[in-house]
Protein backbone atom coordinates (compact mmCIF):
# COMPACT_ATOMS: atom_id res chain seq x y z
CA MET A 1 -40.93 -1.94 -4.57
CA TYR A 2 -39.00 1.32 -4.14
CA ILE A 3 -36.49 0.50 -6.88
CA SER A 4 -39.32 -0.64 -9.16
CA GLN A 5 -41.06 2.68 -8.61
CA LEU A 6 -37.84 4.55 -9.37
CA ARG A 7 -37.36 2.58 -12.57
CA GLU A 8 -40.94 3.20 -13.66
CA LYS A 9 -40.58 6.91 -12.97
CA ASN A 10 -37.09 7.28 -14.48
CA ASN A 11 -35.86 5.66 -17.64
CA PHE A 12 -32.41 4.81 -16.28
CA GLN A 13 -29.75 4.28 -18.91
CA HIS A 14 -27.55 2.37 -16.45
CA ILE A 15 -28.00 0.82 -13.00
CA TYR A 16 -24.96 0.24 -10.77
CA ALA A 17 -24.36 -1.66 -7.53
CA ALA A 18 -21.36 -0.93 -5.31
CA ASP A 19 -19.87 -2.09 -2.03
CA GLU A 20 -16.69 -1.77 0.02
CA THR A 21 -15.09 -5.02 1.12
CA ALA A 22 -12.05 -5.77 3.28
CA VAL A 23 -9.20 -7.78 1.75
CA TRP A 24 -6.90 -9.39 4.31
CA LEU A 25 -3.29 -9.64 3.23
CA ASP A 26 -2.43 -12.73 5.23
CA SER A 27 -3.87 -16.13 5.95
CA THR A 28 -6.06 -16.57 9.00
CA GLY A 29 -4.54 -19.94 9.72
CA GLY A 30 -1.09 -20.23 8.20
CA LYS A 31 0.60 -23.13 6.45
CA CYS A 32 2.30 -26.01 8.25
CA ILE A 33 5.72 -26.72 6.80
CA ALA A 34 7.88 -29.69 7.90
CA ASP A 35 9.91 -32.61 6.61
CA LYS A 36 8.09 -35.92 6.50
CA GLY A 37 8.35 -37.64 9.89
CA ALA A 38 9.45 -34.50 11.75
CA LYS A 39 8.44 -34.34 15.43
CA GLU A 40 8.00 -30.57 15.32
CA VAL A 41 6.00 -28.64 12.74
CA SER A 42 6.49 -24.92 12.11
CA VAL A 43 3.73 -22.65 10.88
CA LEU A 44 4.56 -20.52 7.86
CA THR A 45 3.21 -17.02 8.45
CA THR A 46 4.13 -13.49 7.47
CA GLY A 47 3.26 -12.06 10.87
CA HIS A 48 0.81 -9.59 9.34
CA ASP A 49 -2.42 -11.33 10.34
CA LYS A 50 -4.29 -8.04 10.83
CA MET A 51 -3.05 -6.25 7.72
CA ARG A 52 -5.83 -5.42 5.29
CA ILE A 53 -6.91 -3.02 2.59
CA THR A 54 -10.35 -1.85 1.47
CA VAL A 55 -11.56 -2.46 -2.07
CA PHE A 56 -14.62 -0.67 -3.47
CA LEU A 57 -16.22 -2.91 -6.11
CA THR A 58 -18.73 -1.56 -8.64
CA GLY A 59 -20.69 -3.47 -11.26
CA ARG A 60 -23.36 -2.55 -13.79
CA SER A 61 -26.58 -4.37 -14.59
CA ASP A 62 -25.38 -5.28 -18.09
CA GLY A 63 -22.40 -7.13 -16.57
CA TYR A 64 -19.82 -4.39 -17.03
CA LYS A 65 -17.24 -4.24 -14.21
CA CYS A 66 -15.87 -0.83 -13.24
CA LEU A 67 -12.23 -0.62 -12.17
CA PRO A 68 -11.88 -1.40 -8.44
CA TYR A 69 -11.20 1.58 -6.16
CA VAL A 70 -8.50 0.61 -3.66
CA LEU A 71 -7.62 2.31 -0.37
CA LEU A 72 -3.90 1.78 0.14
CA PRO A 73 -2.27 1.46 3.60
CA ARG A 74 0.25 4.22 2.96
CA LYS A 75 0.26 7.84 1.79
CA ARG A 76 3.53 8.02 -0.11
CA VAL A 77 2.82 7.57 -3.80
CA ASP A 78 4.91 5.00 -5.65
CA PRO A 79 5.24 6.06 -9.33
CA ILE A 80 6.14 2.52 -10.39
CA ILE A 81 2.94 1.14 -8.84
CA VAL A 82 0.88 3.97 -10.33
CA ASN A 83 2.24 3.26 -13.80
CA LYS A 84 1.85 -0.52 -13.52
CA PHE A 85 -1.80 -0.40 -12.47
CA LYS A 86 -2.90 2.51 -14.62
CA ASN A 87 -6.15 1.53 -16.37
CA LYS A 88 -6.44 -1.48 -14.02
CA LEU A 89 -7.19 0.02 -10.60
CA HIS A 90 -8.12 3.37 -9.09
CA LEU A 91 -5.59 3.83 -6.28
CA ALA A 92 -6.20 6.08 -3.27
CA TRP A 93 -2.97 6.77 -1.36
CA GLU A 94 -4.58 7.70 1.95
CA GLY A 95 -3.03 5.41 4.58
CA THR A 96 -6.46 4.37 5.83
CA ASN A 97 -8.90 1.47 5.55
CA TRP A 98 -12.04 3.55 5.99
CA MET A 99 -14.02 5.49 3.43
CA ASN A 100 -15.05 9.02 4.36
CA ASP A 101 -16.93 11.83 2.62
CA ASP A 102 -13.89 13.09 0.70
CA LEU A 103 -12.90 9.61 -0.46
CA THR A 104 -16.48 8.84 -1.45
CA ALA A 105 -16.57 11.99 -3.58
CA ASP A 106 -13.26 10.91 -5.14
CA TYR A 107 -14.67 7.44 -5.81
CA LEU A 108 -17.77 8.87 -7.50
CA LYS A 109 -15.67 11.17 -9.67
CA ARG A 110 -13.06 8.61 -10.72
CA VAL A 111 -15.15 5.45 -10.99
CA LEU A 112 -18.59 6.65 -12.12
CA GLY A 113 -17.81 10.11 -13.44
CA LYS A 114 -20.54 12.33 -14.86
CA SER A 115 -22.91 11.12 -17.54
CA LEU A 116 -23.77 13.56 -20.31
CA PHE A 117 -26.67 11.47 -21.55
CA GLY A 118 -29.28 9.48 -19.67
CA LYS A 119 -30.12 8.93 -16.02
CA ARG A 120 -28.21 6.52 -13.79
CA LEU A 121 -29.07 4.71 -10.56
CA LEU A 122 -26.58 3.61 -7.89
CA VAL A 123 -27.60 0.96 -5.34
CA TRP A 124 -25.47 0.76 -2.18
CA ASP A 125 -25.77 0.32 1.60
CA MET A 126 -26.38 2.75 4.46
CA PHE A 127 -22.73 3.31 5.40
CA ARG A 128 -22.57 6.79 6.90
CA CYS A 129 -20.51 8.36 4.10
CA HIS A 130 -23.02 7.09 1.51
CA ILE A 131 -25.87 9.14 2.97
CA SER A 132 -24.10 12.25 4.28
CA PRO A 133 -25.06 15.75 3.03
CA SER A 134 -21.63 16.05 1.39
CA THR A 135 -22.09 12.81 -0.54
CA LYS A 136 -25.59 13.80 -1.62
CA LYS A 137 -24.09 16.93 -3.19
CA ALA A 138 -21.44 14.83 -4.94
CA LEU A 139 -24.13 12.45 -6.22
CA LYS A 140 -26.15 15.35 -7.58
CA ALA A 141 -23.06 16.76 -9.28
CA SER A 142 -22.47 13.35 -10.90
CA GLY A 143 -26.08 13.08 -12.02
CA LEU A 144 -26.71 9.93 -10.00
CA ASP A 145 -29.91 8.81 -8.31
CA THR A 146 -29.48 6.37 -5.42
CA ALA A 147 -31.33 3.55 -3.74
CA VAL A 148 -30.02 2.77 -0.25
CA VAL A 149 -30.21 -0.81 1.04
CA PRO A 150 -31.52 -0.72 4.65
CA GLY A 151 -29.33 -2.01 7.45
CA GLY A 152 -29.68 -5.75 7.97
CA CYS A 153 -30.89 -6.32 4.40
CA THR A 154 -27.58 -6.35 2.53
CA LYS A 155 -27.30 -10.14 2.77
CA PHE A 156 -30.61 -10.38 0.91
CA ILE A 157 -30.63 -7.59 -1.68
CA GLN A 158 -27.11 -6.18 -2.11
CA ALA A 159 -25.52 -7.64 -5.23
CA ALA A 160 -21.95 -7.60 -3.92
CA ASP A 161 -22.81 -9.28 -0.62
CA VAL A 162 -25.00 -11.89 -2.29
CA CYS A 163 -22.97 -12.76 -5.40
CA TRP A 164 -19.60 -11.02 -5.81
CA ASN A 165 -17.66 -10.88 -2.56
CA ALA A 166 -17.38 -14.62 -1.86
CA PRO A 167 -15.85 -15.66 -5.23
CA PHE A 168 -13.74 -12.47 -5.32
CA LYS A 169 -12.19 -13.21 -1.92
CA ALA A 170 -11.88 -16.92 -2.66
CA LYS A 171 -9.78 -16.12 -5.73
CA ILE A 172 -7.56 -13.78 -3.71
CA ARG A 173 -7.15 -16.52 -1.08
CA GLN A 174 -6.12 -18.96 -3.81
CA LEU A 175 -3.58 -16.51 -5.24
CA TYR A 176 -2.26 -15.79 -1.75
CA ASP A 177 -1.85 -19.48 -0.95
CA ASP A 178 -0.07 -20.07 -4.27
CA TRP A 179 2.31 -17.22 -3.47
CA MET A 180 2.95 -18.54 0.05
CA MET A 181 3.77 -21.99 -1.25
CA HIS A 182 5.60 -21.22 -4.48
CA GLY A 183 6.31 -17.50 -4.79
CA GLU A 184 9.59 -15.72 -4.18
CA LYS A 185 9.52 -14.06 -0.76
CA GLU A 186 11.85 -12.01 1.37
CA VAL A 187 12.20 -13.22 4.96
CA THR A 188 12.44 -11.49 8.32
CA LYS A 189 15.31 -11.95 10.79
CA GLY A 190 13.18 -14.59 12.49
CA GLY A 191 12.95 -16.59 9.29
CA ASN A 192 9.30 -15.84 8.52
CA PRO A 193 8.36 -14.55 5.06
CA LYS A 194 7.60 -10.86 4.81
CA SER A 195 4.12 -9.79 3.79
CA ALA A 196 3.30 -9.71 0.10
CA PRO A 197 4.66 -6.63 -1.69
CA MET A 198 2.15 -4.07 -2.92
CA ALA A 199 2.62 -4.94 -6.58
CA GLU A 200 1.83 -8.57 -5.75
CA TYR A 201 -1.40 -8.08 -3.83
CA LEU A 202 -2.69 -5.38 -6.19
CA GLN A 203 -2.30 -7.85 -9.03
CA TRP A 204 -4.33 -10.35 -7.00
CA ILE A 205 -7.14 -7.80 -6.83
CA VAL A 206 -6.98 -7.26 -10.60
CA ASP A 207 -6.97 -11.00 -11.31
CA ALA A 208 -9.72 -11.77 -8.79
CA TRP A 209 -12.05 -9.12 -10.20
CA ASP A 210 -11.28 -10.20 -13.77
CA SER A 211 -12.15 -13.79 -12.83
CA LEU A 212 -15.79 -12.93 -12.11
CA PRO A 213 -17.84 -13.65 -15.26
CA LYS A 214 -19.90 -10.90 -16.84
CA GLU A 215 -22.95 -13.16 -16.49
CA LEU A 216 -22.47 -13.40 -12.71
CA ILE A 217 -22.50 -9.60 -12.42
CA SER A 218 -25.61 -9.14 -14.58
CA LYS A 219 -27.52 -11.99 -12.92
CA SER A 220 -26.71 -10.63 -9.46
CA PHE A 221 -29.00 -7.66 -10.13
CA LYS A 222 -31.94 -9.96 -10.78
CA SER A 223 -30.99 -12.19 -7.83
CA CYS A 224 -31.37 -9.12 -5.63
CA GLY A 225 -34.59 -7.85 -7.23
CA ILE A 226 -32.95 -4.74 -8.72
CA THR A 227 -33.59 -5.10 -12.46
CA ASN A 228 -36.40 -7.65 -12.49
CA ALA A 229 -39.52 -7.02 -14.57
CA THR A 230 -41.78 -4.60 -12.68
CA ASP A 231 -44.87 -6.73 -13.43
CA GLY A 232 -43.62 -9.55 -11.18
CA SER A 233 -42.90 -12.04 -13.97
CA GLU A 234 -39.27 -12.40 -12.83
CA ASP A 235 -39.83 -12.50 -9.07
CA ASP A 236 -38.83 -16.18 -9.11
CA GLU A 237 -35.24 -15.09 -9.83
CA ILE A 238 -34.90 -13.25 -6.50
CA HIS A 239 -32.65 -15.54 -4.46
CA CYS A 240 -34.12 -14.93 -1.00
CA PHE A 241 -37.64 -15.76 -2.27
CA LYS A 242 -36.71 -19.22 -3.51
CA ALA A 243 -38.13 -22.29 -1.75
CA ASP A 244 -34.83 -22.93 0.05
CA GLY A 245 -34.15 -19.23 0.61
CA PRO A 246 -34.44 -17.26 3.87
CA VAL A 247 -37.79 -15.64 2.92
CA PRO A 248 -39.72 -18.19 0.81
CA SER A 249 -43.03 -16.35 1.36
CA GLY A 250 -41.56 -13.06 0.16
CA ARG A 251 -42.64 -13.53 -3.44
CA ILE A 252 -46.29 -13.76 -2.41
CA LEU A 253 -45.99 -10.75 -0.12
CA LEU A 254 -44.31 -8.72 -2.85
CA GLN A 255 -47.08 -9.54 -5.30
CA GLN A 256 -49.69 -8.60 -2.71
CA ALA A 257 -47.95 -5.26 -2.18
CA ARG A 258 -47.79 -4.74 -5.94
CA ASP A 259 -51.52 -5.55 -6.27
CA ALA A 260 -52.37 -3.20 -3.41
CA LYS A 261 -50.40 -0.42 -5.10
CA GLU A 262 -52.18 -0.99 -8.41
CA LEU A 263 -55.55 -1.04 -6.64
CA ALA A 264 -54.75 2.22 -4.85
CA GLN A 265 -53.79 3.83 -8.16
CA LEU A 266 -56.98 2.55 -9.79
CA LEU A 267 -59.13 3.94 -6.96
CA GLU A 268 -57.32 7.26 -7.20
CA GLU A 269 -58.06 7.41 -10.94
CA VAL A 270 -61.73 6.59 -10.30
CA ASP A 271 -61.92 9.35 -7.68
CA LEU A 272 -60.40 11.85 -10.12
CA GLU A 273 -62.86 10.86 -12.84
CA GLN A 274 -65.76 11.21 -10.39
CA GLU A 275 -64.53 14.66 -9.35
CA GLU A 276 -64.37 15.72 -13.00
CA GLU A 277 -67.91 14.46 -13.61
CA ASN A 278 -69.17 16.31 -10.55
CA PHE A 279 -67.40 19.45 -11.76
CA TYR A 280 -69.05 19.30 -15.19
CA ASP A 281 -72.46 18.53 -13.64
CA SER A 282 -72.02 21.55 -11.40
CA ASP A 283 -71.16 23.77 -14.37
CA ALA A 284 -74.20 22.51 -16.27
CA SER A 285 -76.54 23.28 -13.37
CA ILE A 286 -75.21 26.82 -13.18
CA VAL A 287 -75.98 27.36 -16.86
């Protein structure tokens, strides 16, 4: 309802959804490698089971995919990496996995920029650096309105959680497994392969994001009730309201809330008309 009201009040030129997601740079299980008939089986692992990076994904309601914003695990800038992934990724050399106010401002500036024409809406979750005073100033400077998904509701109405993250991570897992089985790897003194080099895993991110169809991005907004018709004619596209969804009665409740809102507006208009009539009657009696 809130987003519908925002859309009715503001003629947004573009609507965006965004979310940070963790990308693990090693398998959770490992691969078993052994000759046929061997009595002992060794597990192929890089020994970096807890190594991860954070990727900030952003999509637009027309299916356009913004370049991923990637927090890198080191601060020293590598010019070769910068040149290779120019126009493919926004790289933040911060040596951290966590977004903060400064990084959020950098994300807004580099990924979404400032629109000279038309209003824009950004839908994201309640992570602390999304709702801080500093970020609100950065949003205002970028000319962005926001709709914040309440805690506990992201699995129902956040486009990335509902539609993007699973296929994105599945593709990265596939690319990782292919590299583990067939790619060229350096090994440690103990004989285990070293973790994937930065150029390798950044290319996985590029390929995984590219693999998501434009249609999946655009449909995710309707699946989460973000860009559906405000008259309720597309409520059946909201995934959590489907018969086999987690809130099958939600469609009815949403329509009831919409009807109650329309009734309240109608009564308010009637009251205003009555007040105007009383005002004119009062003026006439004075004359």
